PDB file of N, CA and C in Angstrom:
ATOM      1  N   MET A   1       0.825  -1.197   0.000  1.00  0.00           N
ATOM      2  CA  MET A   1       0.000   0.000   0.000  1.00  0.00           C
ATOM      3  C   MET A   1       0.862   1.251   0.000  1.00  0.00           C
ATOM      4  N   ALA A   2       1.957   1.240   0.760  1.00  0.00           N
ATOM      5  CA  ALA A   2       2.848   2.396   0.813  1.00  0.00           C
ATOM      6  C   ALA A   2       3.461   2.681  -0.543  1.00  0.00           C
ATOM      7  N   GLU A   3       3.744   1.625  -1.320  1.00  0.00           N
ATOM      8  CA  GLU A   3       4.306   1.804  -2.652  1.00  0.00           C
ATOM      9  C   GLU A   3       3.317   2.505  -3.565  1.00  0.00           C
ATOM     10  N   GLU A   4       2.051   2.152  -3.483  1.00  0.00           N
ATOM     11  CA  GLU A   4       1.036   2.791  -4.304  1.00  0.00           C
ATOM     12  C   GLU A   4       0.903   4.264  -3.950  1.00  0.00           C
ATOM     13  N   THR A   5       0.970   4.574  -2.682  1.00  0.00           N
ATOM     14  CA  THR A   5       0.861   5.956  -2.239  1.00  0.00           C
ATOM     15  C   THR A   5       2.026   6.781  -2.783  1.00  0.00           C
ATOM     16  N   THR A   6       3.237   6.250  -2.693  1.00  0.00           N
ATOM     17  CA  THR A   6       4.410   6.941  -3.206  1.00  0.00           C
ATOM     18  C   THR A   6       4.300   7.112  -4.713  1.00  0.00           C
ATOM     19  N   GLU A   7       3.893   6.064  -5.408  1.00  0.00           N
ATOM     20  CA  GLU A   7       3.749   6.132  -6.858  1.00  0.00           C
ATOM     21  C   GLU A   7       2.684   7.148  -7.253  1.00  0.00           C
ATOM     22  N   THR A   8       1.583   7.173  -6.551  1.00  0.00           N
ATOM     23  CA  THR A   8       0.520   8.122  -6.834  1.00  0.00           C
ATOM     24  C   THR A   8       1.006   9.549  -6.649  1.00  0.00           C
ATOM     25  N   LYS A   9       1.729   9.796  -5.567  1.00  0.00           N
ATOM     26  CA  LYS A   9       2.256  11.140  -5.324  1.00  0.00           C
ATOM     27  C   LYS A   9       3.221  11.559  -6.413  1.00  0.00           C
ATOM     28  N   GLU A  10       4.055  10.625  -6.877  1.00  0.00           N
ATOM     29  CA  GLU A  10       4.999  10.941  -7.948  1.00  0.00           C
ATOM     30  C   GLU A  10       4.264  11.271  -9.240  1.00  0.00           C
ATOM     31  N   LYS A  11       3.225  10.522  -9.538  1.00  0.00           N
ATOM     32  CA  LYS A  11       2.450  10.792 -10.748  1.00  0.00           C
ATOM     33  C   LYS A  11       1.748  12.137 -10.664  1.00  0.00           C
ATOM     34  N   GLU A  12       1.259  12.485  -9.498  1.00  0.00           N
ATOM     35  CA  GLU A  12       0.600  13.767  -9.327  1.00  0.00           C
ATOM     36  C   GLU A  12       1.586  14.920  -9.447  1.00  0.00           C
ATOM     37  N   ALA A  13       2.871  14.659  -9.167  1.00  0.00           N
ATOM     38  CA  ALA A  13       3.892  15.696  -9.264  1.00  0.00           C
ATOM     39  C   ALA A  13       4.267  15.979 -10.713  1.00  0.00           C
ATOM     40  N   GLU A  14       3.921  15.079 -11.616  1.00  0.00           N
ATOM     41  CA  GLU A  14       4.203  15.284 -13.034  1.00  0.00           C
ATOM     42  C   GLU A  14       3.184  16.254 -13.613  1.00  0.00           C
ATOM     43  N   LYS A  15       3.609  16.898 -14.676  1.00  0.00           N
ATOM     44  CA  LYS A  15       2.723  17.880 -15.287  1.00  0.00           C
ATOM     45  C   LYS A  15       2.950  17.917 -16.791  1.00  0.00           C
ATOM     46  N   VAL A  16       1.877  18.051 -17.540  1.00  0.00           N
ATOM     47  CA  VAL A  16       1.961  18.294 -18.974  1.00  0.00           C
ATOM     48  C   VAL A  16       1.788  19.788 -19.160  1.00  0.00           C
ATOM     49  N   HIS A  17       2.786  20.399 -19.777  1.00  0.00           N
ATOM     50  CA  HIS A  17       2.755  21.844 -19.972  1.00  0.00           C
ATOM     51  C   HIS A  17       2.764  22.158 -21.467  1.00  0.00           C
ATOM     52  N   VAL A  18       1.903  23.065 -21.880  1.00  0.00           N
ATOM     53  CA  VAL A  18       1.847  23.499 -23.276  1.00  0.00           C
ATOM     54  C   VAL A  18       2.281  24.961 -23.339  1.00  0.00           C
ATOM     55  N   PHE A  19       3.326  25.223 -24.112  1.00  0.00           N
ATOM     56  CA  PHE A  19       3.767  26.593 -24.346  1.00  0.00           C
ATOM     57  C   PHE A  19       2.841  27.190 -25.392  1.00  0.00           C
ATOM     58  N   GLU A  20       1.906  27.993 -24.937  1.00  0.00           N
ATOM     59  CA  GLU A  20       0.849  28.515 -25.789  1.00  0.00           C
ATOM     60  C   GLU A  20       1.393  29.297 -26.989  1.00  0.00           C
ATOM     61  N   ALA A  21       2.450  30.064 -26.795  1.00  0.00           N
ATOM     62  CA  ALA A  21       3.013  30.871 -27.884  1.00  0.00           C
ATOM     63  C   ALA A  21       3.630  30.005 -28.984  1.00  0.00           C
ATOM     64  N   TRP A  22       4.089  28.812 -28.632  1.00  0.00           N
ATOM     65  CA  TRP A  22       4.717  27.923 -29.615  1.00  0.00           C
ATOM     66  C   TRP A  22       3.705  27.014 -30.308  1.00  0.00           C
ATOM     67  N   CYS A  23       2.579  26.801 -29.670  1.00  0.00           N
ATOM     68  CA  CYS A  23       1.579  25.851 -30.162  1.00  0.00           C
ATOM     69  C   CYS A  23       0.817  26.429 -31.355  1.00  0.00           C
ATOM     70  N   LYS A  24       0.791  25.655 -32.454  1.00  0.00           N
ATOM     71  CA  LYS A  24       0.028  26.092 -33.631  1.00  0.00           C
ATOM     72  C   LYS A  24      -1.354  25.452 -33.686  1.00  0.00           C
ATOM     73  N   ARG A  25      -1.691  24.715 -32.622  1.00  0.00           N
ATOM     74  CA  ARG A  25      -3.015  24.123 -32.455  1.00  0.00           C
ATOM     75  C   ARG A  25      -3.361  23.126 -33.569  1.00  0.00           C
ATOM     76  N   CYS A  26      -2.377  22.297 -33.896  1.00  0.00           N
ATOM     77  CA  CYS A  26      -2.552  21.314 -34.967  1.00  0.00           C
ATOM     78  C   CYS A  26      -3.340  20.091 -34.517  1.00  0.00           C
ATOM     79  N   GLY A  27      -3.355  19.813 -33.202  1.00  0.00           N
ATOM     80  CA  GLY A  27      -4.113  18.690 -32.668  1.00  0.00           C
ATOM     81  C   GLY A  27      -3.385  17.355 -32.671  1.00  0.00           C
ATOM     82  N   ILE A  28      -2.116  17.350 -33.087  1.00  0.00           N
ATOM     83  CA  ILE A  28      -1.367  16.091 -33.137  1.00  0.00           C
ATOM     84  C   ILE A  28      -1.232  15.486 -31.746  1.00  0.00           C
ATOM     85  N   CYS A  29      -0.924  16.301 -30.758  1.00  0.00           N
ATOM     86  CA  CYS A  29      -0.753  15.785 -29.392  1.00  0.00           C
ATOM     87  C   CYS A  29      -2.047  15.166 -28.874  1.00  0.00           C
ATOM     88  N   VAL A  30      -3.155  15.803 -29.163  1.00  0.00           N
ATOM     89  CA  VAL A  30      -4.457  15.298 -28.725  1.00  0.00           C
ATOM     90  C   VAL A  30      -4.770  13.985 -29.437  1.00  0.00           C
ATOM     91  N   ALA A  31      -4.477  13.920 -30.724  1.00  0.00           N
ATOM     92  CA  ALA A  31      -4.767  12.721 -31.513  1.00  0.00           C
ATOM     93  C   ALA A  31      -3.942  11.520 -31.059  1.00  0.00           C
ATOM     94  N   PHE A  32      -2.700  11.748 -30.636  1.00  0.00           N
ATOM     95  CA  PHE A  32      -1.824  10.644 -30.246  1.00  0.00           C
ATOM     96  C   PHE A  32      -1.911  10.282 -28.768  1.00  0.00           C
ATOM     97  N   CYS A  33      -2.674  11.002 -27.980  1.00  0.00           N
ATOM     98  CA  CYS A  33      -2.807  10.680 -26.560  1.00  0.00           C
ATOM     99  C   CYS A  33      -3.566   9.361 -26.429  1.00  0.00           C
ATOM    100  N   PRO A  34      -2.888   8.310 -25.940  1.00  0.00           N
ATOM    101  CA  PRO A  34      -3.530   6.992 -25.900  1.00  0.00           C
ATOM    102  C   PRO A  34      -4.679   6.876 -24.898  1.00  0.00           C
ATOM    103  N   THR A  35      -4.743   7.768 -23.933  1.00  0.00           N
ATOM    104  CA  THR A  35      -5.804   7.685 -22.925  1.00  0.00           C
ATOM    105  C   THR A  35      -6.823   8.821 -23.048  1.00  0.00           C
ATOM    106  N   GLN A  36      -6.673   9.657 -24.045  1.00  0.00           N
ATOM    107  CA  GLN A  36      -7.539  10.821 -24.255  1.00  0.00           C
ATOM    108  C   GLN A  36      -7.555  11.760 -23.046  1.00  0.00           C
ATOM    109  N   ALA A  37      -6.411  11.854 -22.365  1.00  0.00           N
ATOM    110  CA  ALA A  37      -6.286  12.770 -21.233  1.00  0.00           C
ATOM    111  C   ALA A  37      -6.187  14.212 -21.731  1.00  0.00           C
ATOM    112  N   LEU A  38      -5.634  14.383 -22.930  1.00  0.00           N
ATOM    113  CA  LEU A  38      -5.534  15.705 -23.544  1.00  0.00           C
ATOM    114  C   LEU A  38      -6.744  15.951 -24.428  1.00  0.00           C
ATOM    115  N   THR A  39      -7.285  17.146 -24.353  1.00  0.00           N
ATOM    116  CA  THR A  39      -8.344  17.571 -25.252  1.00  0.00           C
ATOM    117  C   THR A  39      -7.990  18.973 -25.729  1.00  0.00           C
ATOM    118  N   SER A  40      -8.769  19.497 -26.651  1.00  0.00           N
ATOM    119  CA  SER A  40      -8.545  20.854 -27.141  1.00  0.00           C
ATOM    120  C   SER A  40      -9.618  21.781 -26.597  1.00  0.00           C
ATOM    121  N   ASP A  41      -9.221  23.005 -26.275  1.00  0.00           N
ATOM    122  CA  ASP A  41     -10.215  23.986 -25.852  1.00  0.00           C
ATOM    123  C   ASP A  41     -10.896  24.560 -27.094  1.00  0.00           C
ATOM    124  N   LYS A  42     -11.755  25.542 -26.923  1.00  0.00           N
ATOM    125  CA  LYS A  42     -12.520  26.094 -28.046  1.00  0.00           C
ATOM    126  C   LYS A  42     -11.643  26.724 -29.120  1.00  0.00           C
ATOM    127  N   ASP A  43     -10.418  27.125 -28.751  1.00  0.00           N
ATOM    128  CA  ASP A  43      -9.495  27.721 -29.713  1.00  0.00           C
ATOM    129  C   ASP A  43      -8.504  26.712 -30.282  1.00  0.00           C
ATOM    130  N   GLY A  44      -8.609  25.463 -29.863  1.00  0.00           N
ATOM    131  CA  GLY A  44      -7.733  24.417 -30.362  1.00  0.00           C
ATOM    132  C   GLY A  44      -6.486  24.187 -29.532  1.00  0.00           C
ATOM    133  N   LEU A  45      -6.334  24.917 -28.450  1.00  0.00           N
ATOM    134  CA  LEU A  45      -5.175  24.741 -27.584  1.00  0.00           C
ATOM    135  C   LEU A  45      -5.335  23.461 -26.769  1.00  0.00           C
ATOM    136  N   PRO A  46      -4.326  22.589 -26.778  1.00  0.00           N
ATOM    137  CA  PRO A  46      -4.430  21.358 -25.995  1.00  0.00           C
ATOM    138  C   PRO A  46      -4.374  21.636 -24.498  1.00  0.00           C
ATOM    139  N   ILE A  47      -5.228  20.943 -23.761  1.00  0.00           N
ATOM    140  CA  ILE A  47      -5.252  21.071 -22.308  1.00  0.00           C
ATOM    141  C   ILE A  47      -5.355  19.678 -21.702  1.00  0.00           C
ATOM    142  N   LEU A  48      -4.756  19.510 -20.544  1.00  0.00           N
ATOM    143  CA  LEU A  48      -4.827  18.242 -19.831  1.00  0.00           C
ATOM    144  C   LEU A  48      -6.132  18.230 -19.043  1.00  0.00           C
ATOM    145  N   THR A  49      -7.175  17.801 -19.691  1.00  0.00           N
ATOM    146  CA  THR A  49      -8.513  17.800 -19.110  1.00  0.00           C
ATOM    147  C   THR A  49      -8.679  16.724 -18.050  1.00  0.00           C
ATOM    148  N   TYR A  50      -8.049  15.581 -18.274  1.00  0.00           N
ATOM    149  CA  TYR A  50      -8.187  14.450 -17.371  1.00  0.00           C
ATOM    150  C   TYR A  50      -6.813  14.019 -16.859  1.00  0.00           C
ATOM    151  N   PRO A  51      -6.233  14.765 -15.914  1.00  0.00           N
ATOM    152  CA  PRO A  51      -4.889  14.433 -15.436  1.00  0.00           C
ATOM    153  C   PRO A  51      -4.785  13.048 -14.802  1.00  0.00           C
ATOM    154  N   ASP A  52      -5.873  12.560 -14.247  1.00  0.00           N
ATOM    155  CA  ASP A  52      -5.857  11.227 -13.640  1.00  0.00           C
ATOM    156  C   ASP A  52      -5.732  10.120 -14.687  1.00  0.00           C
ATOM    157  N   LYS A  53      -6.095  10.401 -15.935  1.00  0.00           N
ATOM    158  CA  LYS A  53      -5.974   9.428 -17.013  1.00  0.00           C
ATOM    159  C   LYS A  53      -4.594   9.453 -17.664  1.00  0.00           C
ATOM    160  N   CYS A  54      -3.832  10.508 -17.417  1.00  0.00           N
ATOM    161  CA  CYS A  54      -2.516  10.659 -18.033  1.00  0.00           C
ATOM    162  C   CYS A  54      -1.549   9.625 -17.462  1.00  0.00           C
ATOM    163  N   THR A  55      -0.924   8.843 -18.355  1.00  0.00           N
ATOM    164  CA  THR A  55       0.027   7.817 -17.941  1.00  0.00           C
ATOM    165  C   THR A  55       1.466   8.306 -18.049  1.00  0.00           C
ATOM    166  N   LEU A  56       1.663   9.550 -18.412  1.00  0.00           N
ATOM    167  CA  LEU A  56       2.989  10.155 -18.558  1.00  0.00           C
ATOM    168  C   LEU A  56       3.834   9.436 -19.604  1.00  0.00           C
ATOM    169  N   CYS A  57       3.185   8.992 -20.662  1.00  0.00           N
ATOM    170  CA  CYS A  57       3.882   8.260 -21.718  1.00  0.00           C
ATOM    171  C   CYS A  57       4.724   9.175 -22.604  1.00  0.00           C
ATOM    172  N   ARG A  58       4.476  10.464 -22.542  1.00  0.00           N
ATOM    173  CA  ARG A  58       5.214  11.481 -23.297  1.00  0.00           C
ATOM    174  C   ARG A  58       4.950  11.454 -24.800  1.00  0.00           C
ATOM    175  N   MET A  59       3.900  10.766 -25.231  1.00  0.00           N
ATOM    176  CA  MET A  59       3.574  10.759 -26.660  1.00  0.00           C
ATOM    177  C   MET A  59       3.257  12.168 -27.152  1.00  0.00           C
ATOM    178  N   CYS A  60       2.595  12.953 -26.340  1.00  0.00           N
ATOM    179  CA  CYS A  60       2.270  14.323 -26.730  1.00  0.00           C
ATOM    180  C   CYS A  60       3.545  15.141 -26.945  1.00  0.00           C
ATOM    181  N   GLU A  61       4.493  14.945 -26.063  1.00  0.00           N
ATOM    182  CA  GLU A  61       5.765  15.661 -26.131  1.00  0.00           C
ATOM    183  C   GLU A  61       6.577  15.232 -27.355  1.00  0.00           C
ATOM    184  N   VAL A  62       6.627  13.938 -27.604  1.00  0.00           N
ATOM    185  CA  VAL A  62       7.413  13.398 -28.714  1.00  0.00           C
ATOM    186  C   VAL A  62       6.817  13.785 -30.069  1.00  0.00           C
ATOM    187  N   ARG A  63       5.498  13.779 -30.162  1.00  0.00           N
ATOM    188  CA  ARG A  63       4.826  14.024 -31.440  1.00  0.00           C
ATOM    189  C   ARG A  63       4.658  15.500 -31.792  1.00  0.00           C
ATOM    190  N   CYS A  64       4.809  16.395 -30.838  1.00  0.00           N
ATOM    191  CA  CYS A  64       4.614  17.818 -31.113  1.00  0.00           C
ATOM    192  C   CYS A  64       5.699  18.321 -32.070  1.00  0.00           C
ATOM    193  N   PRO A  65       5.312  18.805 -33.247  1.00  0.00           N
ATOM    194  CA  PRO A  65       6.304  19.265 -34.226  1.00  0.00           C
ATOM    195  C   PRO A  65       6.965  20.588 -33.848  1.00  0.00           C
ATOM    196  N   ASP A  66       6.390  21.302 -32.906  1.00  0.00           N
ATOM    197  CA  ASP A  66       6.918  22.611 -32.520  1.00  0.00           C
ATOM    198  C   ASP A  66       7.530  22.629 -31.127  1.00  0.00           C
ATOM    199  N   PHE A  67       7.680  21.465 -30.508  1.00  0.00           N
ATOM    200  CA  PHE A  67       8.256  21.357 -29.162  1.00  0.00           C
ATOM    201  C   PHE A  67       7.497  22.219 -28.150  1.00  0.00           C
ATOM    202  N   ALA A  68       6.195  22.340 -28.353  1.00  0.00           N
ATOM    203  CA  ALA A  68       5.366  23.177 -27.487  1.00  0.00           C
ATOM    204  C   ALA A  68       4.844  22.424 -26.269  1.00  0.00           C
ATOM    205  N   VAL A  69       4.988  21.111 -26.257  1.00  0.00           N
ATOM    206  CA  VAL A  69       4.471  20.296 -25.156  1.00  0.00           C
ATOM    207  C   VAL A  69       5.638  19.674 -24.400  1.00  0.00           C
ATOM    208  N   THR A  70       5.596  19.799 -23.091  1.00  0.00           N
ATOM    209  CA  THR A  70       6.594  19.140 -22.252  1.00  0.00           C
ATOM    210  C   THR A  70       5.884  18.398 -21.129  1.00  0.00           C
ATOM    211  N   VAL A  71       6.459  17.281 -20.769  1.00  0.00           N
ATOM    212  CA  VAL A  71       5.984  16.522 -19.616  1.00  0.00           C
ATOM    213  C   VAL A  71       7.138  16.560 -18.638  1.00  0.00           C
ATOM    214  N   ARG A  72       6.895  17.130 -17.480  1.00  0.00           N
ATOM    215  CA  ARG A  72       7.997  17.301 -16.519  1.00  0.00           C
ATOM    216  C   ARG A  72       7.515  17.122 -15.100  1.00  0.00           C
ATOM    217  N   LYS A  73       8.453  16.818 -14.238  1.00  0.00           N
ATOM    218  CA  LYS A  73       8.153  16.719 -12.814  1.00  0.00           C
ATOM    219  C   LYS A  73       8.213  18.094 -12.188  1.00  0.00           C
ATOM    220  N   LYS A  74       7.281  18.334 -11.302  1.00  0.00           N
ATOM    221  CA  LYS A  74       7.366  19.540 -10.496  1.00  0.00           C
ATOM    222  C   LYS A  74       8.413  19.296  -9.428  1.00  0.00           C
ATOM    223  N   LYS A  75       9.170  20.307  -9.108  1.00  0.00           N
ATOM    224  CA  LYS A  75      10.140  20.162  -8.029  1.00  0.00           C
ATOM    225  C   LYS A  75       9.388  20.136  -6.706  1.00  0.00           C
ATOM    226  N   LYS A  76       9.738  19.161  -5.895  1.00  0.00           N
ATOM    227  CA  LYS A  76       9.090  19.053  -4.593  1.00  0.00           C
ATOM    228  C   LYS A  76       9.649  20.109  -3.664  1.00  0.00           C
ATOM    229  N   ARG A  77       8.773  20.774  -2.980  1.00  0.00           N
ATOM    230  CA  ARG A  77       9.189  21.790  -2.019  1.00  0.00           C
ATOM    231  C   ARG A  77       9.380  21.157  -0.651  1.00  0.00           C
ATOM    232  N   SER A  78      10.470  21.487  -0.029  1.00  0.00           N
ATOM    233  CA  SER A  78      10.758  20.905   1.286  1.00  0.00           C
ATOM    234  C   SER A  78      10.319  21.825   2.401  1.00  0.00           C
TER     235      SER A  78
END
């Protein structure tokens, strides 16, 4: 049980970030998201609508032609 708690906390510390200025709103990241955790807003900007569904596979990051998507860990504050 302790392992699941630690793993859950680590997953929650991860974040998908979209650099809005770099994003051309092509939808590739949304299309390649295997769990449909990413969706597009009304303007086509990708957003992590379902963070609990995100498996941190980095497909969105790898497929983005403009390097506008990053998946990164938040630094833990002590």
